[in-house]
Amino acid sequence: MNKRIIVTGGAGFIGSALCRYLIESQNVELLNIDKLTYAANLDSLKTIDNNERYQFLHADITDADAMRRAIADFDPDAIIHLAAESHVDRSISGAGEFIQTNIIGTFNLLEAARHFWDGLIGERKAAFRFLHVSTDEVYGSLSDTGLFKETTAYDPSSPYSASKAASDHLVIAWYRTYGFPALISNCSNNYGPFQFPEKLIPLVILNALEGRDLPVYGDGKNLRDWLFVDDHVRALWTILTKGRVGEKYNVGGRNELTNLDVVHRICDLVDKNSEKTIESRSLIKFVADRPGHDQRYAIDATKLETELGWRAQETFETGLEKTVLWYLSREDWWYKLRKDVYDGGRLGLLKTTNSVDVQSK
């Protein structure tokens, strides 16, 4: 009998990659629940949307009744919860949606799943799992040394990371209080095909291709650990099927680079693989830093690697080249997003009462 999986947020970047992986590489029955906000794109699921093992439900996780009905009707063996507002810049200028979706939505989903799990018996109850997908940003900012471990204290800096930290705490509390069989993953910065072009890597690729400014926050020295999205979804499946209930697992690519270094590498790949004549590096423009911009993130994925046997298959060099080539060849996917949804302009600027941009601390 096929395992029955619910994925929330499966029309988003990571969620759609997970849905494609589950249908194409695992023998599962899948229900994708998504609200279809600005960052969701059903075109990312065209390769699987006619598969008989795939279903889609347009619903909002903040709708408690809808979540209870969906879970009861589909009768899942596991839930992988990715639905979230995820862009830091948008959280700075509009935190309310992040509180509603990331905290209230997670609460609703936990309660609906717990009610369903309480009604299971025997082996099905023992085997049920709830995987909550989170971020390394809940840990705050690192100094020049050290790595985020599963035991690192939470210290979120943005409304986005604070809302994800709150949702993590809810999941842990549901495990400790009710014995609910939950797990948490915390990942580093994802990149790859089908990523909404407000994020750094696709934004720089498309702006470079169009000869537009390439904005770099502050001095560009903020450090991030980069994780290719296909490596991430394999990690999620590994955690779901092999992880220990009540545990957290950090997922990272061991690819730590400054934002400026990432931009330079994108510029060189775009110039090498396109017919544009303007040198992309000449388009780099340093702009006022993001408010509360964390200096450094770096994941220690040792627990996941040693206990569960997962390894990232892509280096940053191989993953970035695949990503750049995909965007260069898939104008059919991104053009209408740039035209109708997000034009590449800056997000997350704050205004004081005197309408002066607020600089980061």
Protein backbone atom coordinates (compact mmCIF):
# COMPACT_ATOMS: atom_id res chain seq x y z
CA MET A 1 0.00 0.00 0.00
CA ASN A 2 1.35 3.44 -0.97
CA LYS A 3 2.18 5.88 1.80
CA ARG A 4 -0.26 8.80 1.79
CA ILE A 5 1.40 12.20 2.27
CA ILE A 6 0.00 15.72 2.69
CA VAL A 7 2.32 18.57 1.73
CA THR A 8 1.29 22.10 2.70
CA GLY A 9 2.66 24.92 0.57
CA GLY A 10 3.37 22.56 -2.29
CA ALA A 11 2.98 25.23 -4.99
CA GLY A 12 5.87 27.26 -3.59
CA PHE A 13 9.55 26.90 -4.45
CA ILE A 14 10.64 24.18 -2.01
CA GLY A 15 7.16 22.69 -1.81
CA SER A 16 6.85 22.18 -5.56
CA ALA A 17 10.31 20.60 -5.68
CA LEU A 18 9.21 18.25 -2.89
CA CYS A 19 5.97 17.36 -4.69
CA ARG A 20 7.84 16.58 -7.91
CA TYR A 21 10.29 14.43 -5.98
CA LEU A 22 7.59 12.50 -4.13
CA ILE A 23 5.65 11.70 -7.30
CA GLU A 24 8.62 11.08 -9.59
CA SER A 25 10.96 9.29 -7.16
CA GLN A 26 8.78 7.83 -4.39
CA ASN A 27 5.71 5.63 -4.63
CA VAL A 28 3.33 7.81 -2.61
CA GLU A 29 -0.19 9.17 -2.82
CA LEU A 30 0.11 12.96 -2.47
CA LEU A 31 -2.23 15.79 -1.52
CA ASN A 32 -0.80 19.27 -2.06
CA ILE A 33 -2.57 21.98 -0.02
CA ASP A 34 -1.74 25.55 -1.02
CA LYS A 35 -3.36 28.97 -0.60
CA LEU A 36 -1.84 30.15 -3.92
CA THR A 37 -0.37 33.42 -2.71
CA TYR A 38 1.87 35.59 -4.92
CA ALA A 39 4.85 33.22 -4.55
CA ALA A 40 2.93 30.05 -5.45
CA ASN A 41 2.96 28.86 -9.04
CA LEU A 42 1.04 25.87 -10.34
CA ASP A 43 3.20 25.97 -13.48
CA SER A 44 5.97 24.52 -11.30
CA LEU A 45 3.87 21.36 -10.97
CA LYS A 46 2.99 20.78 -14.64
CA THR A 47 5.11 17.63 -14.86
CA ILE A 48 3.03 15.89 -12.19
CA ASP A 49 -0.40 17.56 -12.16
CA ASN A 50 -1.98 14.82 -14.29
CA ASN A 51 -0.46 11.97 -12.29
CA GLU A 52 -3.11 9.73 -10.75
CA ARG A 53 -1.24 9.72 -7.42
CA TYR A 54 -1.31 13.54 -7.14
CA GLN A 55 -4.13 15.75 -5.87
CA PHE A 56 -4.29 19.50 -5.31
CA LEU A 57 -6.46 21.38 -2.81
CA HIS A 58 -6.74 25.17 -2.88
CA ALA A 59 -7.04 26.01 0.84
CA ASP A 60 -5.54 28.23 3.54
CA ILE A 61 -3.91 26.72 6.63
CA THR A 62 -5.38 29.56 8.69
CA ASP A 63 -8.81 28.01 7.98
CA ALA A 64 -9.08 25.48 10.82
CA ASP A 65 -12.24 23.81 9.51
CA ALA A 66 -10.74 23.37 6.05
CA MET A 67 -7.65 21.75 7.53
CA ARG A 68 -9.68 19.31 9.63
CA ARG A 69 -11.77 18.33 6.61
CA ALA A 70 -8.78 17.94 4.33
CA ILE A 71 -6.89 15.72 6.74
CA ALA A 72 -9.94 13.60 7.56
CA ASP A 73 -10.85 13.16 3.89
CA PHE A 74 -7.36 12.31 2.65
CA ASP A 75 -6.48 10.03 5.60
CA PRO A 76 -2.70 10.64 5.52
CA ASP A 77 0.18 8.64 6.94
CA ALA A 78 2.29 11.79 7.25
CA ILE A 79 2.15 15.56 6.84
CA ILE A 80 5.07 17.68 5.64
CA HIS A 81 4.35 21.29 6.57
CA LEU A 82 6.04 23.90 4.36
CA ALA A 83 3.26 26.48 3.95
CA ALA A 84 4.65 29.81 5.16
CA GLU A 85 5.26 33.42 4.32
CA SER A 86 9.00 33.31 3.79
CA HIS A 87 10.56 36.51 2.45
CA VAL A 88 12.36 38.55 5.10
CA ASP A 89 12.02 41.85 3.23
CA ARG A 90 8.24 41.48 2.97
CA SER A 91 8.03 40.71 6.71
CA ILE A 92 9.74 44.00 7.52
CA SER A 93 7.04 46.11 5.89
CA GLY A 94 4.09 43.76 6.45
CA ALA A 95 4.48 41.44 9.44
CA GLY A 96 0.79 40.65 9.90
CA GLU A 97 0.58 38.01 7.17
CA PHE A 98 3.62 36.28 8.67
CA ILE A 99 2.01 36.09 12.10
CA GLN A 100 -1.24 34.75 10.69
CA THR A 101 0.19 32.13 8.35
CA ASN A 102 3.34 31.03 10.14
CA ILE A 103 1.98 30.99 13.71
CA ILE A 104 -1.82 30.74 13.58
CA GLY A 105 -1.71 28.54 10.50
CA THR A 106 0.77 26.15 12.09
CA PHE A 107 -1.35 26.01 15.24
CA ASN A 108 -4.45 25.14 13.20
CA LEU A 109 -2.61 22.46 11.30
CA LEU A 110 -1.14 20.96 14.47
CA GLU A 111 -4.55 20.77 16.10
CA ALA A 112 -6.19 19.26 13.03
CA ALA A 113 -3.41 16.71 12.69
CA ARG A 114 -3.46 15.88 16.41
CA HIS A 115 -7.22 15.33 16.32
CA PHE A 116 -6.79 12.99 13.33
CA TRP A 117 -3.85 11.16 14.95
CA ASP A 118 -5.81 10.66 18.18
CA GLY A 119 -8.35 8.68 16.17
CA LEU A 120 -5.82 6.29 14.68
CA ILE A 121 -5.06 2.92 16.24
CA GLY A 122 -2.32 0.33 16.19
CA GLU A 123 0.45 0.45 13.63
CA ARG A 124 -1.02 3.40 11.75
CA LYS A 125 -0.97 5.57 14.85
CA ALA A 126 2.56 4.48 15.72
CA ALA A 127 3.81 5.22 12.19
CA PHE A 128 2.16 8.63 11.70
CA ARG A 129 4.58 11.55 11.34
CA PHE A 130 4.34 15.37 11.16
CA LEU A 131 7.43 17.11 9.73
CA HIS A 132 7.61 20.86 10.26
CA VAL A 133 9.98 22.55 7.81
CA SER A 134 11.72 25.60 9.25
CA THR A 135 14.76 27.81 8.72
CA ASP A 136 18.20 28.47 10.17
CA GLU A 137 17.16 32.11 10.61
CA VAL A 138 15.48 31.20 13.91
CA TYR A 139 18.97 30.97 15.41
CA GLY A 140 19.85 34.61 14.70
CA SER A 141 23.31 35.69 13.61
CA LEU A 142 26.64 33.93 14.08
CA SER A 143 29.98 35.54 14.79
CA ASP A 144 32.95 34.88 12.50
CA THR A 145 33.33 31.34 13.86
CA GLY A 146 31.08 28.46 14.84
CA LEU A 147 28.06 26.78 13.26
CA PHE A 148 24.37 26.48 14.07
CA LYS A 149 23.68 23.20 15.84
CA GLU A 150 20.32 21.71 16.78
CA THR A 151 21.03 22.83 20.35
CA THR A 152 21.76 26.47 19.41
CA ALA A 153 19.51 28.88 21.30
CA TYR A 154 16.90 30.72 19.27
CA ASP A 155 17.59 34.42 18.68
CA PRO A 156 15.48 35.60 15.69
CA SER A 157 16.05 39.07 14.24
CA SER A 158 13.24 39.68 11.74
CA PRO A 159 9.45 39.36 11.90
CA TYR A 160 9.84 36.40 9.51
CA SER A 161 12.36 34.52 11.63
CA ALA A 162 10.45 35.34 14.82
CA SER A 163 7.27 33.87 13.34
CA LYS A 164 9.12 30.72 12.29
CA ALA A 165 10.72 30.43 15.72
CA ALA A 166 7.26 30.66 17.30
CA SER A 167 5.95 27.92 15.01
CA ASP A 168 8.93 25.70 15.90
CA HIS A 169 8.14 26.15 19.59
CA LEU A 170 4.52 25.17 18.98
CA VAL A 171 5.59 21.96 17.27
CA ILE A 172 7.97 21.07 20.10
CA ALA A 173 5.26 21.81 22.67
CA TRP A 174 2.75 19.55 20.85
CA TYR A 175 5.30 16.73 20.98
CA ARG A 176 6.13 17.25 24.66
CA THR A 177 2.58 17.91 25.86
CA TYR A 178 0.54 15.50 23.75
CA GLY A 179 3.14 13.01 22.57
CA PHE A 180 2.31 14.13 19.03
CA PRO A 181 4.82 12.48 16.62
CA ALA A 182 6.44 15.61 15.21
CA LEU A 183 9.89 16.40 13.87
CA ILE A 184 11.50 19.70 12.82
CA SER A 185 14.02 20.51 10.10
CA ASN A 186 15.93 23.81 9.95
CA CYS A 187 17.54 24.53 6.59
CA SER A 188 19.99 27.06 5.21
CA ASN A 189 19.35 29.29 2.17
CA ASN A 190 17.79 27.31 -0.67
CA TYR A 191 18.32 28.00 -4.36
CA GLY A 192 17.56 26.29 -7.64
CA PRO A 193 15.05 26.19 -10.52
CA PHE A 194 11.50 27.49 -10.01
CA GLN A 195 12.44 29.95 -7.23
CA PHE A 196 10.29 33.08 -7.12
CA PRO A 197 12.44 35.95 -8.45
CA GLU A 198 12.36 38.15 -5.35
CA LYS A 199 15.11 36.02 -3.78
CA LEU A 200 18.78 36.90 -4.26
CA ILE A 201 19.92 34.33 -6.82
CA PRO A 202 17.03 34.47 -9.33
CA LEU A 203 16.76 38.25 -8.88
CA VAL A 204 20.41 38.74 -9.80
CA ILE A 205 20.20 36.30 -12.73
CA LEU A 206 17.21 38.05 -14.27
CA ASN A 207 18.39 41.60 -13.55
CA ALA A 208 21.77 40.77 -15.09
CA LEU A 209 20.10 39.25 -18.13
CA GLU A 210 18.00 42.41 -18.57
CA GLY A 211 20.89 44.83 -17.89
CA ARG A 212 19.33 46.21 -14.71
CA ASP A 213 21.04 47.18 -11.42
CA LEU A 214 22.15 44.29 -9.24
CA PRO A 215 21.39 45.46 -5.68
CA VAL A 216 23.74 44.27 -2.93
CA TYR A 217 22.82 45.12 0.66
CA GLY A 218 25.40 47.00 2.72
CA ASP A 219 28.96 45.95 1.88
CA GLY A 220 27.92 42.53 0.56
CA LYS A 221 29.92 40.70 3.22
CA ASN A 222 26.97 38.97 4.90
CA LEU A 223 27.63 35.23 4.85
CA ARG A 224 25.12 32.50 4.01
CA ASP A 225 25.24 28.72 3.67
CA TRP A 226 23.65 27.69 0.36
CA LEU A 227 21.63 24.50 -0.20
CA PHE A 228 20.46 23.25 -3.59
CA VAL A 229 16.72 22.66 -3.40
CA ASP A 230 16.83 19.08 -4.70
CA ASP A 231 19.30 18.17 -1.95
CA HIS A 232 16.91 19.73 0.55
CA VAL A 233 13.88 17.72 -0.54
CA ARG A 234 15.87 14.50 -0.36
CA ALA A 235 16.80 15.51 3.19
CA LEU A 236 13.14 16.06 4.06
CA TRP A 237 12.19 12.59 2.85
CA THR A 238 15.12 11.14 4.81
CA ILE A 239 14.05 12.93 8.00
CA LEU A 240 10.42 11.92 7.55
CA THR A 241 11.20 8.25 7.00
CA LYS A 242 14.26 7.77 9.23
CA GLY A 243 14.25 10.60 11.78
CA ARG A 244 13.48 10.21 15.46
CA VAL A 245 10.21 11.67 16.72
CA GLY A 246 10.69 14.83 18.76
CA GLU A 247 14.08 15.61 17.21
CA LYS A 248 15.36 18.56 15.20
CA TYR A 249 17.63 18.14 12.17
CA ASN A 250 19.67 20.93 10.59
CA VAL A 251 19.99 20.78 6.80
CA GLY A 252 22.85 22.65 5.18
CA GLY A 253 24.94 22.48 2.02
CA ARG A 254 28.31 23.35 3.60
CA ASN A 255 28.62 26.14 1.02
CA GLU A 256 29.38 29.32 2.97
CA LEU A 257 29.83 32.41 0.80
CA THR A 258 29.38 36.15 1.07
CA ASN A 259 26.46 37.69 -0.78
CA LEU A 260 28.90 39.62 -2.97
CA ASP A 261 30.76 36.43 -3.90
CA VAL A 262 27.46 34.84 -4.90
CA VAL A 263 26.59 37.84 -7.06
CA HIS A 264 30.02 37.76 -8.73
CA ARG A 265 29.63 34.08 -9.58
CA ILE A 266 26.17 34.64 -11.03
CA CYS A 267 27.46 37.54 -13.14
CA ASP A 268 30.23 35.42 -14.60
CA LEU A 269 27.88 32.53 -15.43
CA VAL A 270 25.30 34.81 -17.04
CA ASP A 271 27.98 36.51 -19.15
CA LYS A 272 29.44 33.14 -20.18
CA ASN A 273 26.11 31.57 -21.15
CA SER A 274 24.13 34.45 -22.69
CA GLU A 275 24.53 36.83 -25.61
CA LYS A 276 24.28 40.02 -23.54
CA THR A 277 27.03 42.55 -24.19
CA ILE A 278 27.09 44.53 -20.92
CA GLU A 279 29.49 43.07 -18.35
CA SER A 280 27.24 42.00 -15.49
CA ARG A 281 29.64 42.93 -12.70
CA SER A 282 29.41 46.56 -13.85
CA LEU A 283 25.72 46.50 -12.86
CA ILE A 284 26.40 45.82 -9.16
CA LYS A 285 25.01 48.58 -6.95
CA PHE A 286 25.52 48.68 -3.20
CA VAL A 287 22.32 49.80 -1.46
CA ALA A 288 21.24 50.62 2.09
CA ASP A 289 21.36 47.51 4.23
CA ARG A 290 18.28 45.55 5.26
CA PRO A 291 17.01 46.50 8.75
CA GLY A 292 18.18 43.88 11.26
CA HIS A 293 20.29 42.09 8.65
CA ASP A 294 21.99 39.08 10.25
CA GLN A 295 25.70 38.93 9.49
CA ARG A 296 26.31 35.21 9.16
CA TYR A 297 24.42 31.91 8.95
CA ALA A 298 26.18 28.54 8.79
CA ILE A 299 24.65 25.12 9.39
CA ASP A 300 26.23 22.11 11.06
CA ALA A 301 24.46 19.19 9.33
CA THR A 302 26.52 16.51 11.13
CA LYS A 303 23.51 15.02 12.93
CA LEU A 304 21.60 14.52 9.69
CA GLU A 305 24.67 13.21 7.91
CA THR A 306 25.84 10.77 10.57
CA GLU A 307 22.55 9.55 12.07
CA LEU A 308 20.44 9.38 8.92
CA GLY A 309 23.05 9.07 6.17
CA TRP A 310 22.08 12.10 4.07
CA ARG A 311 24.67 13.95 2.00
CA ALA A 312 24.31 16.94 -0.29
CA GLN A 313 24.98 15.88 -3.87
CA GLU A 314 25.50 19.35 -5.35
CA THR A 315 28.38 21.69 -4.68
CA PHE A 316 27.59 25.38 -4.95
CA GLU A 317 29.43 25.49 -8.27
CA THR A 318 27.43 22.67 -9.86
CA GLY A 319 24.13 23.78 -8.34
CA LEU A 320 24.54 27.43 -9.32
CA GLU A 321 25.43 26.56 -12.91
CA LYS A 322 22.32 24.36 -13.19
CA THR A 323 20.24 27.19 -11.74
CA VAL A 324 21.58 29.91 -14.04
CA LEU A 325 21.17 27.73 -17.12
CA TRP A 326 17.60 26.88 -16.09
CA TYR A 327 16.58 30.55 -15.78
CA LEU A 328 18.29 31.42 -19.05
CA SER A 329 16.24 28.75 -20.81
CA ARG A 330 12.91 29.18 -19.00
CA GLU A 331 11.63 32.65 -19.83
CA ASP A 332 8.28 30.93 -20.34
CA TRP A 333 8.18 30.31 -16.56
CA TRP A 334 9.50 33.59 -15.17
CA TYR A 335 8.48 36.28 -17.68
CA LYS A 336 4.87 36.64 -16.54
CA LEU A 337 5.99 36.71 -12.88
CA ARG A 338 8.31 39.63 -13.60
CA LYS A 339 5.62 41.34 -15.64
CA ASP A 340 2.55 40.82 -13.46
CA VAL A 341 3.61 39.83 -9.91
CA TYR A 342 7.05 41.20 -8.99
CA ASP A 343 9.06 43.52 -11.21
CA GLY A 344 12.41 43.19 -9.42
CA GLY A 345 12.15 46.35 -7.32
CA ARG A 346 13.37 46.61 -3.75
CA LEU A 347 11.16 45.33 -0.94
CA GLY A 348 11.16 45.85 2.81
CA LEU A 349 12.09 49.53 3.04
CA LEU A 350 10.91 51.16 6.25
CA LYS A 351 9.95 54.77 6.59
CA THR A 352 10.26 56.90 9.70
CA THR A 353 7.67 59.59 10.45
CA ASN A 354 9.91 61.92 8.44
CA SER A 355 9.90 59.50 5.49
CA VAL A 356 13.61 58.79 5.82
CA ASP A 357 14.81 55.27 5.06
CA VAL A 358 15.68 53.39 8.24
CA GLN A 359 19.20 51.94 8.11
CA SER A 360 20.13 48.65 9.69
CA LYS A 361 21.73 48.45 13.06
